[in-house]
Amino acid sequence: MLPGGRSYPVLVGRGAAGELAVHLSETALQPRRAAVITQEGIPISVDPGFEHRVFTIPDGEAAKTLSTIESLCRSFAEWGLTRGDVVVGVGGGVVTDVAGFAAASFHRGVPVVHVATTLLAQVDAAIGGKTGVNLPEGKNLVGAFWQPTLVLCDTAALETLPERELRCGLGEMAKYHFLGGRDLDGRPLEERVARCVEIKAEVVSADEREAGRRAILNYGHTLGHAIETSGRYDLRHGEAVAIGLVYAAELSWTLGRIDEARVAEHRRIVEGYDLPTHLPDGADAEELLAVMRRDKKALDGLTFVLDGGSGPGADGCSIEVVSGVDLETARSVLERIR
């Protein structure tokens, strides 16, 4: 449920993508056309049950640019897509970000539906309405909040993922262990996906536009995004976030917010998903600090999402946004996780 009483269904299960036409017919939408945005190699194709055209974007983060959004919107205009039609994103986090932003931008808003085919998209990117593209200066600096009408998480697609793509999603899943997901351990993967969706939905419903609590969903992302933005390391998003989780825990301990046992728990969860816990070889601390200072959460100097808030709350989450972190402290902790 979102502010204003709005809500949308999120379906998790094998073969969910094949039910797109059925579930679209159950929404309030009555589109004539669907613009299906996807990438080469996506193992799932969809049939919305009415006229549609497929628009293929490049692979990887390189697709998340303003030029991609312009190209899509011009193609929509040439085809005659209207505000009463629908955009359908089929793929992972890059596709949901691009499809969502294109839908939010064209005609100042066209409904969007996400068919999530990667673990990253299913537990995070497709849920919550955050869309965006990158600039050379940083990740996701241009975008919009645009909630989907429907999300389908087809868990059968996860069986086709390369190992590193699966690890990318596991980094986000590791994050949810500290956002109220203490019950994730031991569950089958499909149930973990559904539980992560549940946690994110609860956070987003309380703060749709990241005016406050929603920022906790960026746990581990300040350093993670800096590692990605530097572009010099062979790491996927989830792997970078995993390092960011360990860094955030070490920083919280240094600031006296948590004890050593809580730091050890972070390392246990991250290592349990076979994810990295140290900075990549050759990482330049000054470069990473410079990028972190440009993070979109930054309000007063270095800003991080950290453990050890005045909680935990009923959901077991004690994560909060902390501004004004001393530069030298942040630098020393970077050196500690080399």
C-alpha atoms as a PDB file:
ATOM      1  CA  MET A   1       0.000   0.000   0.000  1.00  0.00           C
ATOM      2  CA  LEU A   2       1.284   3.467  -0.924  1.00  0.00           C
ATOM      3  CA  PRO A   3       0.284   6.959   0.221  1.00  0.00           C
ATOM      4  CA  GLY A   4      -3.174   7.856  -1.033  1.00  0.00           C
ATOM      5  CA  GLY A   5      -4.376   4.267  -0.761  1.00  0.00           C
ATOM      6  CA  ARG A   6      -2.626   3.131  -3.943  1.00  0.00           C
ATOM      7  CA  SER A   7      -1.262  -0.369  -4.217  1.00  0.00           C
ATOM      8  CA  TYR A   8      -0.212  -2.888  -6.837  1.00  0.00           C
ATOM      9  CA  PRO A   9       0.205  -6.660  -6.914  1.00  0.00           C
ATOM     10  CA  VAL A  10       3.616  -8.360  -6.903  1.00  0.00           C
ATOM     11  CA  LEU A  11       3.451 -12.014  -7.946  1.00  0.00           C
ATOM     12  CA  VAL A  12       6.368 -14.342  -7.168  1.00  0.00           C
ATOM     13  CA  GLY A  13       6.608 -17.824  -8.631  1.00  0.00           C
ATOM     14  CA  ARG A  14       7.630 -20.089 -11.485  1.00  0.00           C
ATOM     15  CA  GLY A  15       6.031 -19.185 -14.795  1.00  0.00           C
ATOM     16  CA  ALA A  16       4.688 -15.826 -13.566  1.00  0.00           C
ATOM     17  CA  ALA A  17       5.728 -14.120 -16.824  1.00  0.00           C
ATOM     18  CA  GLY A  18       3.424 -16.399 -18.807  1.00  0.00           C
ATOM     19  CA  GLU A  19       0.455 -14.970 -16.892  1.00  0.00           C
ATOM     20  CA  LEU A  20       1.077 -11.370 -17.953  1.00  0.00           C
ATOM     21  CA  ALA A  21      -2.023 -11.122 -20.167  1.00  0.00           C
ATOM     22  CA  VAL A  22      -4.274 -12.552 -17.449  1.00  0.00           C
ATOM     23  CA  HIS A  23      -3.021 -10.209 -14.761  1.00  0.00           C
ATOM     24  CA  LEU A  24      -3.029  -7.173 -17.036  1.00  0.00           C
ATOM     25  CA  SER A  25      -6.698  -7.838 -17.761  1.00  0.00           C
ATOM     26  CA  GLU A  26      -7.373  -7.733 -14.018  1.00  0.00           C
ATOM     27  CA  THR A  27      -5.922  -4.237 -13.593  1.00  0.00           C
ATOM     28  CA  ALA A  28      -7.747  -0.973 -14.225  1.00  0.00           C
ATOM     29  CA  LEU A  29      -5.688  -0.464 -17.384  1.00  0.00           C
ATOM     30  CA  GLN A  30      -7.287  -0.753 -20.796  1.00  0.00           C
ATOM     31  CA  PRO A  31      -4.310  -0.215 -23.119  1.00  0.00           C
ATOM     32  CA  ARG A  32      -4.368  -0.708 -26.866  1.00  0.00           C
ATOM     33  CA  ARG A  33      -0.615  -1.106 -27.151  1.00  0.00           C
ATOM     34  CA  ALA A  34       2.336  -2.242 -25.079  1.00  0.00           C
ATOM     35  CA  ALA A  35       5.915  -1.105 -25.566  1.00  0.00           C
ATOM     36  CA  VAL A  36       8.013  -4.052 -24.365  1.00  0.00           C
ATOM     37  CA  ILE A  37      11.525  -3.017 -23.330  1.00  0.00           C
ATOM     38  CA  THR A  38      14.097  -5.775 -22.965  1.00  0.00           C
ATOM     39  CA  GLN A  39      17.663  -6.813 -23.808  1.00  0.00           C
ATOM     40  CA  GLU A  40      19.261  -9.438 -26.013  1.00  0.00           C
ATOM     41  CA  GLY A  41      19.658 -12.731 -24.208  1.00  0.00           C
ATOM     42  CA  ILE A  42      16.797 -12.278 -21.747  1.00  0.00           C
ATOM     43  CA  PRO A  43      15.472 -15.846 -21.393  1.00  0.00           C
ATOM     44  CA  ILE A  44      11.810 -14.832 -21.247  1.00  0.00           C
ATOM     45  CA  SER A  45       9.501 -13.299 -23.827  1.00  0.00           C
ATOM     46  CA  VAL A  46       6.022 -12.046 -23.023  1.00  0.00           C
ATOM     47  CA  ASP A  47       2.678 -11.665 -24.739  1.00  0.00           C
ATOM     48  CA  PRO A  48       0.492  -8.972 -23.166  1.00  0.00           C
ATOM     49  CA  GLY A  49      -2.503 -10.218 -25.168  1.00  0.00           C
ATOM     50  CA  PHE A  50      -2.811  -7.193 -27.484  1.00  0.00           C
ATOM     51  CA  GLU A  51      -0.724  -5.215 -29.961  1.00  0.00           C
ATOM     52  CA  HIS A  52       2.842  -4.770 -28.810  1.00  0.00           C
ATOM     53  CA  ARG A  53       6.271  -3.897 -30.095  1.00  0.00           C
ATOM     54  CA  VAL A  54       9.629  -4.929 -28.638  1.00  0.00           C
ATOM     55  CA  PHE A  55      12.325  -2.308 -28.041  1.00  0.00           C
ATOM     56  CA  THR A  56      15.767  -3.724 -27.273  1.00  0.00           C
ATOM     57  CA  ILE A  57      18.289  -1.713 -25.271  1.00  0.00           C
ATOM     58  CA  PRO A  58      22.029  -2.450 -24.853  1.00  0.00           C
ATOM     59  CA  ASP A  59      23.311  -4.730 -22.117  1.00  0.00           C
ATOM     60  CA  GLY A  60      24.811  -3.613 -18.842  1.00  0.00           C
ATOM     61  CA  GLU A  61      25.118  -0.295 -17.048  1.00  0.00           C
ATOM     62  CA  ALA A  62      26.125   1.304 -20.349  1.00  0.00           C
ATOM     63  CA  ALA A  63      22.415   1.276 -21.256  1.00  0.00           C
ATOM     64  CA  LYS A  64      21.493   3.500 -18.304  1.00  0.00           C
ATOM     65  CA  THR A  65      21.976   6.857 -20.016  1.00  0.00           C
ATOM     66  CA  LEU A  66      19.852   9.821 -20.987  1.00  0.00           C
ATOM     67  CA  SER A  67      20.535   8.995 -24.632  1.00  0.00           C
ATOM     68  CA  THR A  68      18.814   5.611 -24.143  1.00  0.00           C
ATOM     69  CA  ILE A  69      15.773   7.372 -22.669  1.00  0.00           C
ATOM     70  CA  GLU A  70      15.683   9.825 -25.578  1.00  0.00           C
ATOM     71  CA  SER A  71      15.916   7.014 -28.118  1.00  0.00           C
ATOM     72  CA  LEU A  72      13.077   5.073 -26.483  1.00  0.00           C
ATOM     73  CA  CYS A  73      10.803   8.100 -26.148  1.00  0.00           C
ATOM     74  CA  ARG A  74      11.361   9.080 -29.772  1.00  0.00           C
ATOM     75  CA  SER A  75      10.496   5.522 -30.817  1.00  0.00           C
ATOM     76  CA  PHE A  76       7.345   5.671 -28.684  1.00  0.00           C
ATOM     77  CA  ALA A  77       6.345   8.931 -30.381  1.00  0.00           C
ATOM     78  CA  GLU A  78       6.958   7.539 -33.862  1.00  0.00           C
ATOM     79  CA  TRP A  79       4.849   4.485 -33.042  1.00  0.00           C
ATOM     80  CA  GLY A  80       2.058   6.553 -31.532  1.00  0.00           C
ATOM     81  CA  LEU A  81       2.149   5.281 -27.951  1.00  0.00           C
ATOM     82  CA  THR A  82      -0.305   7.188 -25.752  1.00  0.00           C
ATOM     83  CA  ARG A  83      -0.718   7.836 -22.056  1.00  0.00           C
ATOM     84  CA  GLY A  84      -3.485   5.233 -22.093  1.00  0.00           C
ATOM     85  CA  ASP A  85      -1.102   2.491 -23.253  1.00  0.00           C
ATOM     86  CA  VAL A  86       1.519   0.632 -21.195  1.00  0.00           C
ATOM     87  CA  VAL A  87       5.269   0.095 -21.030  1.00  0.00           C
ATOM     88  CA  VAL A  88       6.412  -3.410 -20.046  1.00  0.00           C
ATOM     89  CA  GLY A  89       9.983  -3.913 -18.838  1.00  0.00           C
ATOM     90  CA  VAL A  90      11.246  -7.479 -19.185  1.00  0.00           C
ATOM     91  CA  GLY A  91      14.642  -8.111 -17.632  1.00  0.00           C
ATOM     92  CA  GLY A  92      16.856  -7.206 -14.727  1.00  0.00           C
ATOM     93  CA  GLY A  93      17.589  -4.042 -12.803  1.00  0.00           C
ATOM     94  CA  VAL A  94      18.924  -2.120 -15.789  1.00  0.00           C
ATOM     95  CA  VAL A  95      15.720  -2.802 -17.708  1.00  0.00           C
ATOM     96  CA  THR A  96      13.430  -1.871 -14.815  1.00  0.00           C
ATOM     97  CA  ASP A  97      15.361   1.375 -14.233  1.00  0.00           C
ATOM     98  CA  VAL A  98      15.307   2.349 -17.906  1.00  0.00           C
ATOM     99  CA  ALA A  99      11.761   1.180 -18.665  1.00  0.00           C
ATOM    100  CA  GLY A 100      10.431   2.891 -15.549  1.00  0.00           C
ATOM    101  CA  PHE A 101      12.154   6.200 -16.288  1.00  0.00           C
ATOM    102  CA  ALA A 102      11.104   6.157 -19.942  1.00  0.00           C
ATOM    103  CA  ALA A 103       7.514   5.463 -18.874  1.00  0.00           C
ATOM    104  CA  ALA A 104       7.630   8.245 -16.266  1.00  0.00           C
ATOM    105  CA  SER A 105       9.022  10.705 -18.819  1.00  0.00           C
ATOM    106  CA  PHE A 106       6.977  10.025 -21.953  1.00  0.00           C
ATOM    107  CA  HIS A 107       3.784  12.109 -22.028  1.00  0.00           C
ATOM    108  CA  ARG A 108       4.681  12.906 -18.389  1.00  0.00           C
ATOM    109  CA  GLY A 109       3.670   9.421 -17.370  1.00  0.00           C
ATOM    110  CA  VAL A 110       2.639   6.141 -19.029  1.00  0.00           C
ATOM    111  CA  PRO A 111       1.749   3.106 -16.879  1.00  0.00           C
ATOM    112  CA  VAL A 112       4.586   0.608 -16.453  1.00  0.00           C
ATOM    113  CA  VAL A 113       4.621  -3.105 -15.663  1.00  0.00           C
ATOM    114  CA  HIS A 114       7.772  -4.989 -14.702  1.00  0.00           C
ATOM    115  CA  VAL A 115       8.526  -8.627 -15.501  1.00  0.00           C
ATOM    116  CA  ALA A 116      11.618  -9.222 -13.381  1.00  0.00           C
ATOM    117  CA  THR A 117      13.962 -11.959 -14.621  1.00  0.00           C
ATOM    118  CA  THR A 118      17.008 -11.539 -12.351  1.00  0.00           C
ATOM    119  CA  LEU A 119      17.352 -11.942  -8.617  1.00  0.00           C
ATOM    120  CA  LEU A 120      18.452  -8.311  -8.282  1.00  0.00           C
ATOM    121  CA  ALA A 121      15.305  -7.085 -10.005  1.00  0.00           C
ATOM    122  CA  GLN A 122      13.015  -9.428  -8.089  1.00  0.00           C
ATOM    123  CA  VAL A 123      14.191  -8.535  -4.599  1.00  0.00           C
ATOM    124  CA  ASP A 124      14.885  -4.869  -5.204  1.00  0.00           C
ATOM    125  CA  ALA A 125      14.951  -2.998  -8.522  1.00  0.00           C
ATOM    126  CA  ALA A 126      11.446  -3.828  -9.778  1.00  0.00           C
ATOM    127  CA  ILE A 127       9.765  -2.942  -6.476  1.00  0.00           C
ATOM    128  CA  GLY A 128       9.150   0.531  -5.099  1.00  0.00           C
ATOM    129  CA  GLY A 129       9.038   2.828  -8.114  1.00  0.00           C
ATOM    130  CA  LYS A 130      12.598   4.227  -8.112  1.00  0.00           C
ATOM    131  CA  THR A 131      13.807   4.665 -11.676  1.00  0.00           C
ATOM    132  CA  GLY A 132      16.857   6.348 -13.098  1.00  0.00           C
ATOM    133  CA  VAL A 133      19.938   6.484 -15.257  1.00  0.00           C
ATOM    134  CA  ASN A 134      23.579   7.287 -14.629  1.00  0.00           C
ATOM    135  CA  LEU A 135      25.777  10.283 -15.283  1.00  0.00           C
ATOM    136  CA  PRO A 136      29.585  10.165 -15.545  1.00  0.00           C
ATOM    137  CA  GLU A 137      29.574  11.757 -12.084  1.00  0.00           C
ATOM    138  CA  GLY A 138      27.602   8.967 -10.424  1.00  0.00           C
ATOM    139  CA  LYS A 139      24.952   6.257 -10.485  1.00  0.00           C
ATOM    140  CA  ASN A 140      21.221   6.966 -10.676  1.00  0.00           C
ATOM    141  CA  LEU A 141      21.632  10.744 -10.419  1.00  0.00           C
ATOM    142  CA  VAL A 142      18.792  11.414 -12.892  1.00  0.00           C
ATOM    143  CA  GLY A 143      15.449   9.691 -12.514  1.00  0.00           C
ATOM    144  CA  ALA A 144      11.921   9.758 -11.154  1.00  0.00           C
ATOM    145  CA  PHE A 145       9.659   8.000  -8.692  1.00  0.00           C
ATOM    146  CA  TRP A 146       7.170   6.100 -10.850  1.00  0.00           C
ATOM    147  CA  GLN A 147       5.311   3.185  -9.318  1.00  0.00           C
ATOM    148  CA  PRO A 148       4.510   0.164 -11.506  1.00  0.00           C
ATOM    149  CA  THR A 149       0.977  -1.076 -11.977  1.00  0.00           C
ATOM    150  CA  LEU A 150       2.002  -4.732 -11.697  1.00  0.00           C
ATOM    151  CA  VAL A 151       5.201  -6.698 -10.995  1.00  0.00           C
ATOM    152  CA  LEU A 152       5.764 -10.318 -11.986  1.00  0.00           C
ATOM    153  CA  CYS A 153       8.793 -12.117 -10.524  1.00  0.00           C
ATOM    154  CA  ASP A 154       9.317 -15.283 -12.562  1.00  0.00           C
ATOM    155  CA  THR A 155      11.587 -17.441 -10.421  1.00  0.00           C
ATOM    156  CA  ALA A 156      12.042 -19.970 -13.257  1.00  0.00           C
ATOM    157  CA  ALA A 157      14.223 -17.366 -14.959  1.00  0.00           C
ATOM    158  CA  LEU A 158      16.685 -17.520 -12.053  1.00  0.00           C
ATOM    159  CA  GLU A 159      17.706 -21.022 -13.135  1.00  0.00           C
ATOM    160  CA  THR A 160      19.147 -19.579 -16.351  1.00  0.00           C
ATOM    161  CA  LEU A 161      21.267 -16.882 -14.691  1.00  0.00           C
ATOM    162  CA  PRO A 162      25.056 -16.986 -14.880  1.00  0.00           C
ATOM    163  CA  GLU A 163      26.633 -17.400 -11.449  1.00  0.00           C
ATOM    164  CA  ARG A 164      27.831 -13.792 -11.265  1.00  0.00           C
ATOM    165  CA  GLU A 165      24.400 -12.451 -12.168  1.00  0.00           C
ATOM    166  CA  LEU A 166      22.906 -14.502  -9.356  1.00  0.00           C
ATOM    167  CA  ARG A 167      25.578 -13.179  -6.975  1.00  0.00           C
ATOM    168  CA  CYS A 168      24.588  -9.679  -7.987  1.00  0.00           C
ATOM    169  CA  GLY A 169      21.140 -10.278  -6.520  1.00  0.00           C
ATOM    170  CA  LEU A 170      22.520 -12.056  -3.476  1.00  0.00           C
ATOM    171  CA  GLY A 171      24.277  -8.830  -2.472  1.00  0.00           C
ATOM    172  CA  GLU A 172      20.908  -7.096  -2.224  1.00  0.00           C
ATOM    173  CA  MET A 173      19.425 -10.101  -0.450  1.00  0.00           C
ATOM    174  CA  ALA A 174      22.225  -9.925   2.130  1.00  0.00           C
ATOM    175  CA  LYS A 175      21.192  -6.322   2.799  1.00  0.00           C
ATOM    176  CA  TYR A 176      17.665  -7.384   3.742  1.00  0.00           C
ATOM    177  CA  HIS A 177      18.996  -9.553   6.583  1.00  0.00           C
ATOM    178  CA  PHE A 178      19.663  -6.261   8.412  1.00  0.00           C
ATOM    179  CA  LEU A 179      16.440  -4.510   7.433  1.00  0.00           C
ATOM    180  CA  GLY A 180      14.145  -6.858   9.329  1.00  0.00           C
ATOM    181  CA  GLY A 181      14.936 -10.082   7.456  1.00  0.00           C
ATOM    182  CA  ARG A 182      16.332 -12.094  10.325  1.00  0.00           C
ATOM    183  CA  ASP A 183      14.035 -14.927   9.232  1.00  0.00           C
ATOM    184  CA  LEU A 184      15.643 -15.212   5.764  1.00  0.00           C
ATOM    185  CA  ASP A 185      18.147 -17.848   6.861  1.00  0.00           C
ATOM    186  CA  GLY A 186      17.118 -21.357   5.931  1.00  0.00           C
ATOM    187  CA  ARG A 187      14.238 -20.432   3.636  1.00  0.00           C
ATOM    188  CA  PRO A 188      14.027 -21.740   0.041  1.00  0.00           C
ATOM    189  CA  LEU A 189      15.088 -19.134  -2.542  1.00  0.00           C
ATOM    190  CA  GLU A 190      11.537 -18.433  -3.727  1.00  0.00           C
ATOM    191  CA  GLU A 191      10.421 -17.692  -0.170  1.00  0.00           C
ATOM    192  CA  ARG A 192      13.438 -15.440   0.343  1.00  0.00           C
ATOM    193  CA  VAL A 193      12.456 -13.445  -2.733  1.00  0.00           C
ATOM    194  CA  ALA A 194       8.905 -13.034  -1.450  1.00  0.00           C
ATOM    195  CA  ARG A 195      10.151 -12.010   2.004  1.00  0.00           C
ATOM    196  CA  CYS A 196      12.498  -9.377   0.530  1.00  0.00           C
ATOM    197  CA  VAL A 197       9.584  -7.984  -1.488  1.00  0.00           C
ATOM    198  CA  GLU A 198       7.515  -7.841   1.684  1.00  0.00           C
ATOM    199  CA  ILE A 199      10.221  -5.928   3.575  1.00  0.00           C
ATOM    200  CA  LYS A 200      10.746  -3.442   0.775  1.00  0.00           C
ATOM    201  CA  ALA A 201       7.021  -2.888   0.352  1.00  0.00           C
ATOM    202  CA  GLU A 202       6.679  -2.084   4.053  1.00  0.00           C
ATOM    203  CA  VAL A 203       9.480   0.497   3.886  1.00  0.00           C
ATOM    204  CA  VAL A 204       8.256   2.098   0.656  1.00  0.00           C
ATOM    205  CA  SER A 205       4.666   2.327   1.843  1.00  0.00           C
ATOM    206  CA  ALA A 206       5.837   4.475   4.758  1.00  0.00           C
ATOM    207  CA  ASP A 207       8.063   6.736   2.643  1.00  0.00           C
ATOM    208  CA  GLU A 208       7.444   6.526  -1.091  1.00  0.00           C
ATOM    209  CA  ARG A 209       9.753   9.381  -2.134  1.00  0.00           C
ATOM    210  CA  GLU A 210      12.682   8.781   0.181  1.00  0.00           C
ATOM    211  CA  ALA A 211      12.017  11.765   2.407  1.00  0.00           C
ATOM    212  CA  GLY A 212      13.077   9.752   5.441  1.00  0.00           C
ATOM    213  CA  ARG A 213      13.026   6.056   6.264  1.00  0.00           C
ATOM    214  CA  ARG A 214      13.203   4.756   2.696  1.00  0.00           C
ATOM    215  CA  ALA A 215      16.854   5.786   2.577  1.00  0.00           C
ATOM    216  CA  ILE A 216      17.654   2.721   4.711  1.00  0.00           C
ATOM    217  CA  LEU A 217      17.173   0.652   1.540  1.00  0.00           C
ATOM    218  CA  ASN A 218      20.519   2.136   0.463  1.00  0.00           C
ATOM    219  CA  TYR A 219      22.314   0.238   3.223  1.00  0.00           C
ATOM    220  CA  GLY A 220      25.738  -0.721   1.889  1.00  0.00           C
ATOM    221  CA  HIS A 221      25.234   1.367  -1.247  1.00  0.00           C
ATOM    222  CA  THR A 222      27.287   4.482  -0.474  1.00  0.00           C
ATOM    223  CA  LEU A 223      30.592   2.675  -0.874  1.00  0.00           C
ATOM    224  CA  GLY A 224      29.031   0.135  -3.251  1.00  0.00           C
ATOM    225  CA  HIS A 225      28.009   2.829  -5.729  1.00  0.00           C
ATOM    226  CA  ALA A 226      31.398   4.526  -5.379  1.00  0.00           C
ATOM    227  CA  ILE A 227      33.152   1.280  -6.319  1.00  0.00           C
ATOM    228  CA  GLU A 228      30.860   0.924  -9.342  1.00  0.00           C
ATOM    229  CA  THR A 229      31.153   4.565 -10.409  1.00  0.00           C
ATOM    230  CA  SER A 230      34.942   4.420 -10.460  1.00  0.00           C
ATOM    231  CA  GLY A 231      34.494   1.773 -13.156  1.00  0.00           C
ATOM    232  CA  ARG A 232      37.933   0.301 -12.681  1.00  0.00           C
ATOM    233  CA  TYR A 233      37.082  -2.913 -10.858  1.00  0.00           C
ATOM    234  CA  ASP A 234      35.573  -6.148 -12.108  1.00  0.00           C
ATOM    235  CA  LEU A 235      32.655  -6.157  -9.681  1.00  0.00           C
ATOM    236  CA  ARG A 236      28.916  -6.446 -10.196  1.00  0.00           C
ATOM    237  CA  HIS A 237      26.425  -4.307  -8.265  1.00  0.00           C
ATOM    238  CA  GLY A 238      25.651  -6.914  -5.615  1.00  0.00           C
ATOM    239  CA  GLU A 239      29.316  -7.674  -5.068  1.00  0.00           C
ATOM    240  CA  ALA A 240      30.056  -3.978  -4.556  1.00  0.00           C
ATOM    241  CA  VAL A 241      27.101  -3.651  -2.163  1.00  0.00           C
ATOM    242  CA  ALA A 242      28.385  -6.637  -0.188  1.00  0.00           C
ATOM    243  CA  ILE A 243      31.687  -4.829   0.395  1.00  0.00           C
ATOM    244  CA  GLY A 244      29.652  -1.751   1.279  1.00  0.00           C
ATOM    245  CA  LEU A 245      27.749  -3.702   3.948  1.00  0.00           C
ATOM    246  CA  VAL A 246      30.964  -4.780   5.638  1.00  0.00           C
ATOM    247  CA  TYR A 247      32.338  -1.249   5.386  1.00  0.00           C
ATOM    248  CA  ALA A 248      29.163   0.201   6.913  1.00  0.00           C
ATOM    249  CA  ALA A 249      29.398  -2.272   9.809  1.00  0.00           C
ATOM    250  CA  GLU A 250      33.060  -1.454  10.432  1.00  0.00           C
ATOM    251  CA  LEU A 251      32.274   2.261  10.273  1.00  0.00           C
ATOM    252  CA  SER A 252      29.400   1.829  12.740  1.00  0.00           C
ATOM    253  CA  TRP A 253      31.734  -0.019  15.136  1.00  0.00           C
ATOM    254  CA  THR A 254      34.357   2.724  14.813  1.00  0.00           C
ATOM    255  CA  LEU A 255      31.708   5.319  15.684  1.00  0.00           C
ATOM    256  CA  GLY A 256      30.660   3.295  18.725  1.00  0.00           C
ATOM    257  CA  ARG A 257      27.235   2.452  17.342  1.00  0.00           C
ATOM    258  CA  ILE A 258      27.498  -1.371  17.340  1.00  0.00           C
ATOM    259  CA  ASP A 259      29.666  -4.022  18.961  1.00  0.00           C
ATOM    260  CA  GLU A 260      32.128  -6.482  17.437  1.00  0.00           C
ATOM    261  CA  ALA A 261      29.559  -9.274  17.463  1.00  0.00           C
ATOM    262  CA  ARG A 262      27.304  -7.267  15.157  1.00  0.00           C
ATOM    263  CA  VAL A 263      30.229  -6.629  12.798  1.00  0.00           C
ATOM    264  CA  ALA A 264      30.926 -10.358  12.783  1.00  0.00           C
ATOM    265  CA  GLU A 265      27.280 -11.006  11.911  1.00  0.00           C
ATOM    266  CA  HIS A 266      27.633  -8.781   8.838  1.00  0.00           C
ATOM    267  CA  ARG A 267      30.685 -10.701   7.726  1.00  0.00           C
ATOM    268  CA  ARG A 268      28.945 -14.032   8.344  1.00  0.00           C
ATOM    269  CA  ILE A 269      25.941 -13.112   6.212  1.00  0.00           C
ATOM    270  CA  VAL A 270      28.045 -11.691   3.369  1.00  0.00           C
ATOM    271  CA  GLU A 271      30.479 -14.597   3.375  1.00  0.00           C
ATOM    272  CA  GLY A 272      27.541 -17.010   3.565  1.00  0.00           C
ATOM    273  CA  TYR A 273      26.450 -15.782   0.145  1.00  0.00           C
ATOM    274  CA  ASP A 274      30.046 -16.233  -1.117  1.00  0.00           C
ATOM    275  CA  LEU A 275      30.418 -12.486  -1.639  1.00  0.00           C
ATOM    276  CA  PRO A 276      33.535 -10.308  -1.215  1.00  0.00           C
ATOM    277  CA  THR A 277      34.252  -8.517   2.070  1.00  0.00           C
ATOM    278  CA  HIS A 278      37.353  -6.481   1.124  1.00  0.00           C
ATOM    279  CA  LEU A 279      38.101  -3.632  -1.267  1.00  0.00           C
ATOM    280  CA  PRO A 280      39.225  -4.761  -4.719  1.00  0.00           C
ATOM    281  CA  ASP A 281      42.961  -4.787  -5.394  1.00  0.00           C
ATOM    282  CA  GLY A 282      44.306  -1.371  -6.250  1.00  0.00           C
ATOM    283  CA  ALA A 283      41.278   0.521  -4.933  1.00  0.00           C
ATOM    284  CA  ASP A 284      42.053   4.243  -4.593  1.00  0.00           C
ATOM    285  CA  ALA A 285      40.691   5.458  -1.254  1.00  0.00           C
ATOM    286  CA  GLU A 286      40.764   9.129  -2.258  1.00  0.00           C
ATOM    287  CA  GLU A 287      38.824   8.437  -5.426  1.00  0.00           C
ATOM    288  CA  LEU A 288      36.211   6.438  -3.520  1.00  0.00           C
ATOM    289  CA  LEU A 289      35.870   9.179  -0.896  1.00  0.00           C
ATOM    290  CA  ALA A 290      35.398  11.812  -3.596  1.00  0.00           C
ATOM    291  CA  VAL A 291      32.584   9.809  -5.185  1.00  0.00           C
ATOM    292  CA  MET A 292      30.941   9.111  -1.814  1.00  0.00           C
ATOM    293  CA  ARG A 293      30.855  12.856  -1.098  1.00  0.00           C
ATOM    294  CA  ARG A 294      28.702  13.260  -4.240  1.00  0.00           C
ATOM    295  CA  ASP A 295      26.239  10.566  -3.140  1.00  0.00           C
ATOM    296  CA  LYS A 296      22.637  11.705  -3.591  1.00  0.00           C
ATOM    297  CA  LYS A 297      21.920  11.100   0.122  1.00  0.00           C
ATOM    298  CA  ALA A 298      24.657  13.551   1.137  1.00  0.00           C
ATOM    299  CA  LEU A 299      23.254  16.569   3.012  1.00  0.00           C
ATOM    300  CA  ASP A 300      26.049  17.494   5.397  1.00  0.00           C
ATOM    301  CA  GLY A 301      29.467  16.163   4.441  1.00  0.00           C
ATOM    302  CA  LEU A 302      29.794  12.383   4.193  1.00  0.00           C
ATOM    303  CA  THR A 303      26.443  10.659   4.710  1.00  0.00           C
ATOM    304  CA  PHE A 304      26.001   6.939   5.286  1.00  0.00           C
ATOM    305  CA  VAL A 305      23.239   4.491   6.136  1.00  0.00           C
ATOM    306  CA  LEU A 306      24.497   2.845   9.310  1.00  0.00           C
ATOM    307  CA  ASP A 307      23.537   0.237  11.868  1.00  0.00           C
ATOM    308  CA  GLY A 308      23.009   1.011  15.543  1.00  0.00           C
ATOM    309  CA  GLY A 309      20.074   3.376  15.567  1.00  0.00           C
ATOM    310  CA  SER A 310      17.771   3.941  18.531  1.00  0.00           C
ATOM    311  CA  GLY A 311      16.057   0.650  18.098  1.00  0.00           C
ATOM    312  CA  PRO A 312      15.745  -1.956  16.909  1.00  0.00           C
ATOM    313  CA  GLY A 313      12.137  -1.474  15.982  1.00  0.00           C
ATOM    314  CA  ALA A 314       9.484  -4.147  15.930  1.00  0.00           C
ATOM    315  CA  ASP A 315      10.909  -5.429  12.633  1.00  0.00           C
ATOM    316  CA  GLY A 316      14.363  -5.903  14.133  1.00  0.00           C
ATOM    317  CA  CYS A 317      15.825  -3.079  12.038  1.00  0.00           C
ATOM    318  CA  SER A 318      18.167  -0.557  13.666  1.00  0.00           C
ATOM    319  CA  ILE A 319      19.445   1.026  10.440  1.00  0.00           C
ATOM    320  CA  GLU A 320      19.326   4.806   9.951  1.00  0.00           C
ATOM    321  CA  VAL A 321      20.857   7.660   7.941  1.00  0.00           C
ATOM    322  CA  VAL A 322      23.838   9.356   9.584  1.00  0.00           C
ATOM    323  CA  SER A 323      25.246  12.639   8.242  1.00  0.00           C
ATOM    324  CA  GLY A 324      28.440  14.523   9.013  1.00  0.00           C
ATOM    325  CA  VAL A 325      30.774  11.527   9.212  1.00  0.00           C
ATOM    326  CA  ASP A 326      34.367  12.714   9.591  1.00  0.00           C
ATOM    327  CA  LEU A 327      36.460  12.309   6.428  1.00  0.00           C
ATOM    328  CA  GLU A 328      39.463  10.901   8.255  1.00  0.00           C
ATOM    329  CA  THR A 329      37.305   8.308  10.015  1.00  0.00           C
ATOM    330  CA  ALA A 330      35.799   7.208   6.718  1.00  0.00           C
ATOM    331  CA  ARG A 331      39.285   7.006   5.201  1.00  0.00           C
ATOM    332  CA  SER A 332      40.707   4.928   8.045  1.00  0.00           C
ATOM    333  CA  VAL A 333      37.899   2.380   7.789  1.00  0.00           C
ATOM    334  CA  LEU A 334      38.508   2.038   4.047  1.00  0.00           C
ATOM    335  CA  GLU A 335      42.090   1.098   4.820  1.00  0.00           C
ATOM    336  CA  ARG A 336      40.865  -1.458   7.378  1.00  0.00           C
ATOM    337  CA  ILE A 337      38.867  -3.435   4.801  1.00  0.00           C
ATOM    338  CA  ARG A 338      41.649  -3.723   2.195  1.00  0.00           C
END
